[in-house]
Amino acid sequence: MFKHWWKALTVLILAYVFIAGLMSPVPKLPILHEAIRNTFFHPPLWIAMMVLLFALAIFSIRYLRKGKLDDDLISVELADTALLFGVLGCITGSV
């Protein structure tokens, strides 16, 4: 049961961050109004995407050098996740 405790902890932390991002007070600026809340989500999404792309490059190079299939599978999943963060970053940036 406690083998994957970190997954439950990750879900709890992400739920807290999402709720805090929507409920925390923000400065009342006449131009931005409530759109300033996007700064709570937008920069972390891009930073996470860049970290994932860096890890993707590392695992891709490892796969090309050693030929281990596990490295290729990890790099594919990193690419998929980085693409998801990139799309979410574009959506929050356009808002």
PDB file of N, CA and C in Angstrom:
ATOM      1  N   MET A   1       0.818  -1.192   0.000  1.00  0.00           N
ATOM      2  CA  MET A   1       0.000   0.000   0.000  1.00  0.00           C
ATOM      3  C   MET A   1       0.858   1.250   0.000  1.00  0.00           C
ATOM      4  N   PHE A   2       1.933   1.235   0.747  1.00  0.00           N
ATOM      5  CA  PHE A   2       2.775   2.424   0.829  1.00  0.00           C
ATOM      6  C   PHE A   2       3.937   2.367  -0.152  1.00  0.00           C
ATOM      7  N   LYS A   3       3.841   1.490  -1.136  1.00  0.00           N
ATOM      8  CA  LYS A   3       4.923   1.361  -2.097  1.00  0.00           C
ATOM      9  C   LYS A   3       5.049   2.608  -2.962  1.00  0.00           C
ATOM     10  N   HIS A   4       3.924   3.188  -3.309  1.00  0.00           N
ATOM     11  CA  HIS A   4       3.928   4.379  -4.160  1.00  0.00           C
ATOM     12  C   HIS A   4       3.337   5.577  -3.413  1.00  0.00           C
ATOM     13  N   TRP A   5       3.793   5.831  -2.215  1.00  0.00           N
ATOM     14  CA  TRP A   5       3.281   6.921  -1.403  1.00  0.00           C
ATOM     15  C   TRP A   5       3.553   8.272  -2.047  1.00  0.00           C
ATOM     16  N   TRP A   6       4.615   8.348  -2.821  1.00  0.00           N
ATOM     17  CA  TRP A   6       4.978   9.622  -3.428  1.00  0.00           C
ATOM     18  C   TRP A   6       3.972  10.037  -4.495  1.00  0.00           C
ATOM     19  N   LYS A   7       3.268   9.101  -5.095  1.00  0.00           N
ATOM     20  CA  LYS A   7       2.243   9.463  -6.080  1.00  0.00           C
ATOM     21  C   LYS A   7       1.068  10.150  -5.395  1.00  0.00           C
ATOM     22  N   ALA A   8       0.653   9.613  -4.260  1.00  0.00           N
ATOM     23  CA  ALA A   8      -0.435  10.243  -3.514  1.00  0.00           C
ATOM     24  C   ALA A   8      -0.012  11.616  -3.003  1.00  0.00           C
ATOM     25  N   LEU A   9       1.225  11.723  -2.547  1.00  0.00           N
ATOM     26  CA  LEU A   9       1.727  13.017  -2.083  1.00  0.00           C
ATOM     27  C   LEU A   9       1.768  14.027  -3.226  1.00  0.00           C
ATOM     28  N   THR A  10       2.148  13.598  -4.418  1.00  0.00           N
ATOM     29  CA  THR A  10       2.183  14.486  -5.581  1.00  0.00           C
ATOM     30  C   THR A  10       0.791  14.986  -5.926  1.00  0.00           C
ATOM     31  N   VAL A  11      -0.192  14.105  -5.889  1.00  0.00           N
ATOM     32  CA  VAL A  11      -1.564  14.513  -6.187  1.00  0.00           C
ATOM     33  C   VAL A  11      -2.052  15.519  -5.150  1.00  0.00           C
ATOM     34  N   LEU A  12      -1.754  15.291  -3.885  1.00  0.00           N
ATOM     35  CA  LEU A  12      -2.165  16.234  -2.837  1.00  0.00           C
ATOM     36  C   LEU A  12      -1.494  17.593  -3.012  1.00  0.00           C
ATOM     37  N   ILE A  13      -0.207  17.608  -3.327  1.00  0.00           N
ATOM     38  CA  ILE A  13       0.503  18.876  -3.518  1.00  0.00           C
ATOM     39  C   ILE A  13      -0.040  19.619  -4.726  1.00  0.00           C
ATOM     40  N   LEU A  14      -0.286  18.903  -5.824  1.00  0.00           N
ATOM     41  CA  LEU A  14      -0.831  19.562  -7.015  1.00  0.00           C
ATOM     42  C   LEU A  14      -2.239  20.103  -6.771  1.00  0.00           C
ATOM     43  N   ALA A  15      -3.038  19.374  -6.020  1.00  0.00           N
ATOM     44  CA  ALA A  15      -4.372  19.869  -5.683  1.00  0.00           C
ATOM     45  C   ALA A  15      -4.270  21.135  -4.835  1.00  0.00           C
ATOM     46  N   TYR A  16      -3.356  21.136  -3.874  1.00  0.00           N
ATOM     47  CA  TYR A  16      -3.150  22.328  -3.053  1.00  0.00           C
ATOM     48  C   TYR A  16      -2.703  23.516  -3.899  1.00  0.00           C
ATOM     49  N   VAL A  17      -1.761  23.298  -4.797  1.00  0.00           N
ATOM     50  CA  VAL A  17      -1.260  24.388  -5.639  1.00  0.00           C
ATOM     51  C   VAL A  17      -2.368  24.925  -6.532  1.00  0.00           C
ATOM     52  N   PHE A  18      -3.165  24.039  -7.108  1.00  0.00           N
ATOM     53  CA  PHE A  18      -4.251  24.481  -7.978  1.00  0.00           C
ATOM     54  C   PHE A  18      -5.278  25.306  -7.213  1.00  0.00           C
ATOM     55  N   ILE A  19      -5.680  24.817  -6.048  1.00  0.00           N
ATOM     56  CA  ILE A  19      -6.668  25.542  -5.244  1.00  0.00           C
ATOM     57  C   ILE A  19      -6.086  26.859  -4.735  1.00  0.00           C
ATOM     58  N   ALA A  20      -4.831  26.842  -4.275  1.00  0.00           N
ATOM     59  CA  ALA A  20      -4.204  28.078  -3.796  1.00  0.00           C
ATOM     60  C   ALA A  20      -4.045  29.087  -4.925  1.00  0.00           C
ATOM     61  N   GLY A  21      -3.764  28.624  -6.126  1.00  0.00           N
ATOM     62  CA  GLY A  21      -3.629  29.533  -7.263  1.00  0.00           C
ATOM     63  C   GLY A  21      -4.928  30.214  -7.624  1.00  0.00           C
ATOM     64  N   LEU A  22      -6.020  29.526  -7.421  1.00  0.00           N
ATOM     65  CA  LEU A  22      -7.309  30.120  -7.745  1.00  0.00           C
ATOM     66  C   LEU A  22      -7.906  30.924  -6.595  1.00  0.00           C
ATOM     67  N   MET A  23      -7.533  30.604  -5.364  1.00  0.00           N
ATOM     68  CA  MET A  23      -8.167  31.243  -4.213  1.00  0.00           C
ATOM     69  C   MET A  23      -7.314  32.311  -3.533  1.00  0.00           C
ATOM     70  N   SER A  24      -6.018  32.344  -3.790  1.00  0.00           N
ATOM     71  CA  SER A  24      -5.161  33.297  -3.088  1.00  0.00           C
ATOM     72  C   SER A  24      -5.443  34.719  -3.576  1.00  0.00           C
ATOM     73  N   PRO A  25      -5.260  35.691  -2.696  1.00  0.00           N
ATOM     74  CA  PRO A  25      -5.503  37.075  -3.105  1.00  0.00           C
ATOM     75  C   PRO A  25      -4.440  37.555  -4.081  1.00  0.00           C
ATOM     76  N   VAL A  26      -4.862  38.360  -5.032  1.00  0.00           N
ATOM     77  CA  VAL A  26      -3.956  38.927  -6.023  1.00  0.00           C
ATOM     78  C   VAL A  26      -4.131  40.436  -6.015  1.00  0.00           C
ATOM     79  N   PRO A  27      -3.099  41.181  -6.446  1.00  0.00           N
ATOM     80  CA  PRO A  27      -3.246  42.633  -6.483  1.00  0.00           C
ATOM     81  C   PRO A  27      -4.303  43.054  -7.507  1.00  0.00           C
ATOM     82  N   LYS A  28      -5.042  44.080  -7.160  1.00  0.00           N
ATOM     83  CA  LYS A  28      -6.093  44.560  -8.060  1.00  0.00           C
ATOM     84  C   LYS A  28      -5.509  45.632  -8.979  1.00  0.00           C
ATOM     85  N   LEU A  29      -5.161  45.201 -10.176  1.00  0.00           N
ATOM     86  CA  LEU A  29      -4.621  46.109 -11.178  1.00  0.00           C
ATOM     87  C   LEU A  29      -5.694  46.376 -12.220  1.00  0.00           C
ATOM     88  N   PRO A  30      -5.839  47.641 -12.660  1.00  0.00           N
ATOM     89  CA  PRO A  30      -6.959  47.971 -13.544  1.00  0.00           C
ATOM     90  C   PRO A  30      -6.899  47.275 -14.904  1.00  0.00           C
ATOM     91  N   ILE A  31      -5.730  46.969 -15.408  1.00  0.00           N
ATOM     92  CA  ILE A  31      -5.632  46.369 -16.734  1.00  0.00           C
ATOM     93  C   ILE A  31      -5.765  44.854 -16.655  1.00  0.00           C
ATOM     94  N   LEU A  32      -5.118  44.241 -15.661  1.00  0.00           N
ATOM     95  CA  LEU A  32      -5.060  42.784 -15.604  1.00  0.00           C
ATOM     96  C   LEU A  32      -6.268  42.128 -14.958  1.00  0.00           C
ATOM     97  N   HIS A  33      -6.867  42.776 -13.977  1.00  0.00           N
ATOM     98  CA  HIS A  33      -7.973  42.211 -13.202  1.00  0.00           C
ATOM     99  C   HIS A  33      -7.577  40.836 -12.650  1.00  0.00           C
ATOM    100  N   GLU A  34      -8.298  39.791 -12.993  1.00  0.00           N
ATOM    101  CA  GLU A  34      -8.014  38.457 -12.470  1.00  0.00           C
ATOM    102  C   GLU A  34      -7.045  37.661 -13.347  1.00  0.00           C
ATOM    103  N   ALA A  35      -6.660  38.214 -14.492  1.00  0.00           N
ATOM    104  CA  ALA A  35      -5.754  37.492 -15.394  1.00  0.00           C
ATOM    105  C   ALA A  35      -4.351  37.360 -14.802  1.00  0.00           C
ATOM    106  N   ILE A  36      -4.052  38.116 -13.754  1.00  0.00           N
ATOM    107  CA  ILE A  36      -2.742  38.017 -13.124  1.00  0.00           C
ATOM    108  C   ILE A  36      -2.554  36.651 -12.465  1.00  0.00           C
ATOM    109  N   ARG A  37      -3.646  35.925 -12.229  1.00  0.00           N
ATOM    110  CA  ARG A  37      -3.538  34.582 -11.657  1.00  0.00           C
ATOM    111  C   ARG A  37      -2.782  33.634 -12.578  1.00  0.00           C
ATOM    112  N   ASN A  38      -2.755  33.931 -13.857  1.00  0.00           N
ATOM    113  CA  ASN A  38      -2.030  33.065 -14.793  1.00  0.00           C
ATOM    114  C   ASN A  38      -0.539  33.041 -14.495  1.00  0.00           C
ATOM    115  N   THR A  39      -0.009  34.066 -13.872  1.00  0.00           N
ATOM    116  CA  THR A  39       1.416  34.056 -13.538  1.00  0.00           C
ATOM    117  C   THR A  39       1.725  33.014 -12.467  1.00  0.00           C
ATOM    118  N   PHE A  40       0.689  32.547 -11.787  1.00  0.00           N
ATOM    119  CA  PHE A  40       0.868  31.484 -10.808  1.00  0.00           C
ATOM    120  C   PHE A  40       1.083  30.135 -11.486  1.00  0.00           C
ATOM    121  N   PHE A  41       0.548  29.975 -12.703  1.00  0.00           N
ATOM    122  CA  PHE A  41       0.621  28.702 -13.416  1.00  0.00           C
ATOM    123  C   PHE A  41       1.555  28.748 -14.629  1.00  0.00           C
ATOM    124  N   HIS A  42       1.563  29.856 -15.358  1.00  0.00           N
ATOM    125  CA  HIS A  42       2.264  29.925 -16.639  1.00  0.00           C
ATOM    126  C   HIS A  42       3.782  29.722 -16.538  1.00  0.00           C
ATOM    127  N   PRO A  43       4.516  30.502 -15.733  1.00  0.00           N
ATOM    128  CA  PRO A  43       5.973  30.288 -15.670  1.00  0.00           C
ATOM    129  C   PRO A  43       6.383  28.902 -15.168  1.00  0.00           C
ATOM    130  N   PRO A  44       5.716  28.337 -14.141  1.00  0.00           N
ATOM    131  CA  PRO A  44       6.118  26.977 -13.740  1.00  0.00           C
ATOM    132  C   PRO A  44       5.898  25.936 -14.837  1.00  0.00           C
ATOM    133  N   LEU A  45       4.867  26.122 -15.653  1.00  0.00           N
ATOM    134  CA  LEU A  45       4.643  25.181 -16.750  1.00  0.00           C
ATOM    135  C   LEU A  45       5.795  25.221 -17.747  1.00  0.00           C
ATOM    136  N   TRP A  46       6.256  26.414 -18.086  1.00  0.00           N
ATOM    137  CA  TRP A  46       7.360  26.527 -19.040  1.00  0.00           C
ATOM    138  C   TRP A  46       8.661  26.019 -18.432  1.00  0.00           C
ATOM    139  N   ILE A  47       8.883  26.295 -17.156  1.00  0.00           N
ATOM    140  CA  ILE A  47      10.102  25.804 -16.504  1.00  0.00           C
ATOM    141  C   ILE A  47      10.094  24.282 -16.464  1.00  0.00           C
ATOM    142  N   ALA A  48       8.951  23.692 -16.121  1.00  0.00           N
ATOM    143  CA  ALA A  48       8.851  22.234 -16.098  1.00  0.00           C
ATOM    144  C   ALA A  48       9.071  21.660 -17.493  1.00  0.00           C
ATOM    145  N   MET A  49       8.540  22.338 -18.517  1.00  0.00           N
ATOM    146  CA  MET A  49       8.731  21.857 -19.879  1.00  0.00           C
ATOM    147  C   MET A  49      10.208  21.881 -20.263  1.00  0.00           C
ATOM    148  N   MET A  50      10.909  22.941 -19.904  1.00  0.00           N
ATOM    149  CA  MET A  50      12.331  23.039 -20.252  1.00  0.00           C
ATOM    150  C   MET A  50      13.153  21.980 -19.518  1.00  0.00           C
ATOM    151  N   VAL A  51      12.828  21.707 -18.266  1.00  0.00           N
ATOM    152  CA  VAL A  51      13.528  20.653 -17.518  1.00  0.00           C
ATOM    153  C   VAL A  51      13.278  19.294 -18.157  1.00  0.00           C
ATOM    154  N   LEU A  52      12.034  19.045 -18.544  1.00  0.00           N
ATOM    155  CA  LEU A  52      11.707  17.781 -19.199  1.00  0.00           C
ATOM    156  C   LEU A  52      12.417  17.634 -20.542  1.00  0.00           C
ATOM    157  N   LEU A  53      12.508  18.721 -21.302  1.00  0.00           N
ATOM    158  CA  LEU A  53      13.203  18.661 -22.591  1.00  0.00           C
ATOM    159  C   LEU A  53      14.700  18.431 -22.399  1.00  0.00           C
ATOM    160  N   PHE A  54      15.266  18.992 -21.343  1.00  0.00           N
ATOM    161  CA  PHE A  54      16.677  18.750 -21.045  1.00  0.00           C
ATOM    162  C   PHE A  54      16.898  17.281 -20.689  1.00  0.00           C
ATOM    163  N   ALA A  55      16.011  16.727 -19.851  1.00  0.00           N
ATOM    164  CA  ALA A  55      16.108  15.304 -19.502  1.00  0.00           C
ATOM    165  C   ALA A  55      15.883  14.435 -20.738  1.00  0.00           C
ATOM    166  N   LEU A  56      14.997  14.866 -21.619  1.00  0.00           N
ATOM    167  CA  LEU A  56      14.765  14.154 -22.871  1.00  0.00           C
ATOM    168  C   LEU A  56      16.031  14.080 -23.708  1.00  0.00           C
ATOM    169  N   ALA A  57      16.752  15.187 -23.793  1.00  0.00           N
ATOM    170  CA  ALA A  57      18.004  15.192 -24.551  1.00  0.00           C
ATOM    171  C   ALA A  57      19.023  14.238 -23.928  1.00  0.00           C
ATOM    172  N   ILE A  58      19.090  14.223 -22.610  1.00  0.00           N
ATOM    173  CA  ILE A  58      20.044  13.334 -21.928  1.00  0.00           C
ATOM    174  C   ILE A  58      19.714  11.873 -22.204  1.00  0.00           C
ATOM    175  N   PHE A  59      18.442  11.499 -22.061  1.00  0.00           N
ATOM    176  CA  PHE A  59      18.069  10.100 -22.275  1.00  0.00           C
ATOM    177  C   PHE A  59      18.155   9.711 -23.743  1.00  0.00           C
ATOM    178  N   SER A  60      17.924  10.656 -24.641  1.00  0.00           N
ATOM    179  CA  SER A  60      18.079  10.351 -26.062  1.00  0.00           C
ATOM    180  C   SER A  60      19.535  10.078 -26.404  1.00  0.00           C
ATOM    181  N   ILE A  61      20.430  10.867 -25.844  1.00  0.00           N
ATOM    182  CA  ILE A  61      21.861  10.641 -26.070  1.00  0.00           C
ATOM    183  C   ILE A  61      22.288   9.312 -25.459  1.00  0.00           C
ATOM    184  N   ARG A  62      21.775   9.005 -24.262  1.00  0.00           N
ATOM    185  CA  ARG A  62      22.099   7.712 -23.643  1.00  0.00           C
ATOM    186  C   ARG A  62      21.619   6.554 -24.503  1.00  0.00           C
ATOM    187  N   TYR A  63      20.436   6.713 -25.107  1.00  0.00           N
ATOM    188  CA  TYR A  63      19.935   5.640 -25.966  1.00  0.00           C
ATOM    189  C   TYR A  63      20.806   5.487 -27.207  1.00  0.00           C
ATOM    190  N   LEU A  64      21.225   6.602 -27.789  1.00  0.00           N
ATOM    191  CA  LEU A  64      22.053   6.524 -28.991  1.00  0.00           C
ATOM    192  C   LEU A  64      23.433   5.944 -28.691  1.00  0.00           C
ATOM    193  N   ARG A  65      23.945   6.178 -27.490  1.00  0.00           N
ATOM    194  CA  ARG A  65      25.276   5.672 -27.147  1.00  0.00           C
ATOM    195  C   ARG A  65      25.244   4.210 -26.719  1.00  0.00           C
ATOM    196  N   LYS A  66      24.251   3.825 -25.900  1.00  0.00           N
ATOM    197  CA  LYS A  66      24.241   2.475 -25.331  1.00  0.00           C
ATOM    198  C   LYS A  66      23.245   1.545 -26.006  1.00  0.00           C
ATOM    199  N   GLY A  67      22.214   2.090 -26.630  1.00  0.00           N
ATOM    200  CA  GLY A  67      21.224   1.262 -27.304  1.00  0.00           C
ATOM    201  C   GLY A  67      20.249   0.560 -26.380  1.00  0.00           C
ATOM    202  N   LYS A  68      20.130   1.010 -25.112  1.00  0.00           N
ATOM    203  CA  LYS A  68      19.189   0.392 -24.174  1.00  0.00           C
ATOM    204  C   LYS A  68      17.776   0.880 -24.480  1.00  0.00           C
ATOM    205  N   LEU A  69      16.855  -0.067 -24.610  1.00  0.00           N
ATOM    206  CA  LEU A  69      15.483   0.268 -24.958  1.00  0.00           C
ATOM    207  C   LEU A  69      14.791   1.061 -23.847  1.00  0.00           C
ATOM    208  N   ASP A  70      15.186   0.840 -22.602  1.00  0.00           N
ATOM    209  CA  ASP A  70      14.585   1.582 -21.487  1.00  0.00           C
ATOM    210  C   ASP A  70      14.823   3.078 -21.617  1.00  0.00           C
ATOM    211  N   ASP A  71      16.017   3.468 -22.058  1.00  0.00           N
ATOM    212  CA  ASP A  71      16.313   4.884 -22.248  1.00  0.00           C
ATOM    213  C   ASP A  71      15.432   5.491 -23.330  1.00  0.00           C
ATOM    214  N   ASP A  72      15.145   4.726 -24.375  1.00  0.00           N
ATOM    215  CA  ASP A  72      14.276   5.209 -25.441  1.00  0.00           C
ATOM    216  C   ASP A  72      12.842   5.364 -24.945  1.00  0.00           C
ATOM    217  N   LEU A  73      12.369   4.421 -24.155  1.00  0.00           N
ATOM    218  CA  LEU A  73      11.015   4.520 -23.615  1.00  0.00           C
ATOM    219  C   LEU A  73      10.873   5.716 -22.678  1.00  0.00           C
ATOM    220  N   ILE A  74      11.886   5.951 -21.867  1.00  0.00           N
ATOM    221  CA  ILE A  74      11.858   7.106 -20.962  1.00  0.00           C
ATOM    222  C   ILE A  74      11.860   8.397 -21.764  1.00  0.00           C
ATOM    223  N   SER A  75      12.663   8.458 -22.822  1.00  0.00           N
ATOM    224  CA  SER A  75      12.717   9.684 -23.619  1.00  0.00           C
ATOM    225  C   SER A  75      11.394   9.944 -24.333  1.00  0.00           C
ATOM    226  N   VAL A  76      10.699   8.891 -24.762  1.00  0.00           N
ATOM    227  CA  VAL A  76       9.388   9.075 -25.393  1.00  0.00           C
ATOM    228  C   VAL A  76       8.389   9.642 -24.388  1.00  0.00           C
ATOM    229  N   GLU A  77       8.384   9.107 -23.186  1.00  0.00           N
ATOM    230  CA  GLU A  77       7.453   9.603 -22.165  1.00  0.00           C
ATOM    231  C   GLU A  77       7.797  11.026 -21.745  1.00  0.00           C
ATOM    232  N   LEU A  78       9.081  11.341 -21.680  1.00  0.00           N
ATOM    233  CA  LEU A  78       9.475  12.718 -21.367  1.00  0.00           C
ATOM    234  C   LEU A  78       9.011  13.671 -22.460  1.00  0.00           C
ATOM    235  N   ALA A  79       9.095  13.247 -23.714  1.00  0.00           N
ATOM    236  CA  ALA A  79       8.643  14.083 -24.824  1.00  0.00           C
ATOM    237  C   ALA A  79       7.133  14.305 -24.756  1.00  0.00           C
ATOM    238  N   ASP A  80       6.388  13.247 -24.443  1.00  0.00           N
ATOM    239  CA  ASP A  80       4.931  13.384 -24.335  1.00  0.00           C
ATOM    240  C   ASP A  80       4.548  14.343 -23.207  1.00  0.00           C
ATOM    241  N   THR A  81       5.209  14.207 -22.076  1.00  0.00           N
ATOM    242  CA  THR A  81       4.899  15.062 -20.933  1.00  0.00           C
ATOM    243  C   THR A  81       5.312  16.502 -21.207  1.00  0.00           C
ATOM    244  N   ALA A  82       6.462  16.701 -21.842  1.00  0.00           N
ATOM    245  CA  ALA A  82       6.900  18.057 -22.183  1.00  0.00           C
ATOM    246  C   ALA A  82       5.935  18.696 -23.172  1.00  0.00           C
ATOM    247  N   LEU A  83       5.405  17.922 -24.089  1.00  0.00           N
ATOM    248  CA  LEU A  83       4.422  18.447 -25.031  1.00  0.00           C
ATOM    249  C   LEU A  83       3.148  18.872 -24.307  1.00  0.00           C
ATOM    250  N   LEU A  84       2.714  18.078 -23.342  1.00  0.00           N
ATOM    251  CA  LEU A  84       1.536  18.446 -22.548  1.00  0.00           C
ATOM    252  C   LEU A  84       1.769  19.757 -21.806  1.00  0.00           C
ATOM    253  N   PHE A  85       2.923  19.890 -21.153  1.00  0.00           N
ATOM    254  CA  PHE A  85       3.223  21.132 -20.443  1.00  0.00           C
ATOM    255  C   PHE A  85       3.334  22.306 -21.403  1.00  0.00           C
ATOM    256  N   GLY A  86       3.856  22.080 -22.594  1.00  0.00           N
ATOM    257  CA  GLY A  86       3.943  23.146 -23.583  1.00  0.00           C
ATOM    258  C   GLY A  86       2.574  23.622 -24.036  1.00  0.00           C
ATOM    259  N   VAL A  87       1.659  22.684 -24.265  1.00  0.00           N
ATOM    260  CA  VAL A  87       0.295  23.058 -24.668  1.00  0.00           C
ATOM    261  C   VAL A  87      -0.400  23.806 -23.536  1.00  0.00           C
ATOM    262  N   LEU A  88      -0.265  23.315 -22.304  1.00  0.00           N
ATOM    263  CA  LEU A  88      -0.863  24.019 -21.179  1.00  0.00           C
ATOM    264  C   LEU A  88      -0.243  25.402 -20.989  1.00  0.00           C
ATOM    265  N   GLY A  89       1.061  25.523 -21.242  1.00  0.00           N
ATOM    266  CA  GLY A  89       1.715  26.828 -21.167  1.00  0.00           C
ATOM    267  C   GLY A  89       1.201  27.782 -22.232  1.00  0.00           C
ATOM    268  N   CYS A  90       0.954  27.279 -23.416  1.00  0.00           N
ATOM    269  CA  CYS A  90       0.388  28.121 -24.480  1.00  0.00           C
ATOM    270  C   CYS A  90      -1.027  28.571 -24.139  1.00  0.00           C
ATOM    271  N   ILE A  91      -1.802  27.660 -23.552  1.00  0.00           N
ATOM    272  CA  ILE A  91      -3.180  28.017 -23.182  1.00  0.00           C
ATOM    273  C   ILE A  91      -3.190  29.076 -22.092  1.00  0.00           C
ATOM    274  N   THR A  92      -2.364  28.894 -21.048  1.00  0.00           N
ATOM    275  CA  THR A  92      -2.360  29.893 -19.973  1.00  0.00           C
ATOM    276  C   THR A  92      -1.733  31.201 -20.455  1.00  0.00           C
ATOM    277  N   GLY A  93      -0.825  31.139 -21.413  1.00  0.00           N
ATOM    278  CA  GLY A  93      -0.234  32.365 -21.941  1.00  0.00           C
ATOM    279  C   GLY A  93      -1.186  33.149 -22.807  1.00  0.00           C
ATOM    280  N   SER A  94      -2.055  32.462 -23.514  1.00  0.00           N
ATOM    281  CA  SER A  94      -2.996  33.164 -24.385  1.00  0.00           C
ATOM    282  C   SER A  94      -4.151  33.780 -23.619  1.00  0.00           C
ATOM    283  N   VAL A  95      -4.389  33.281 -22.417  1.00  0.00           N
ATOM    284  CA  VAL A  95      -5.441  33.860 -21.596  1.00  0.00           C
ATOM    285  C   VAL A  95      -4.927  35.166 -21.038  1.00  0.00           C
TER     286      VAL A  95
END
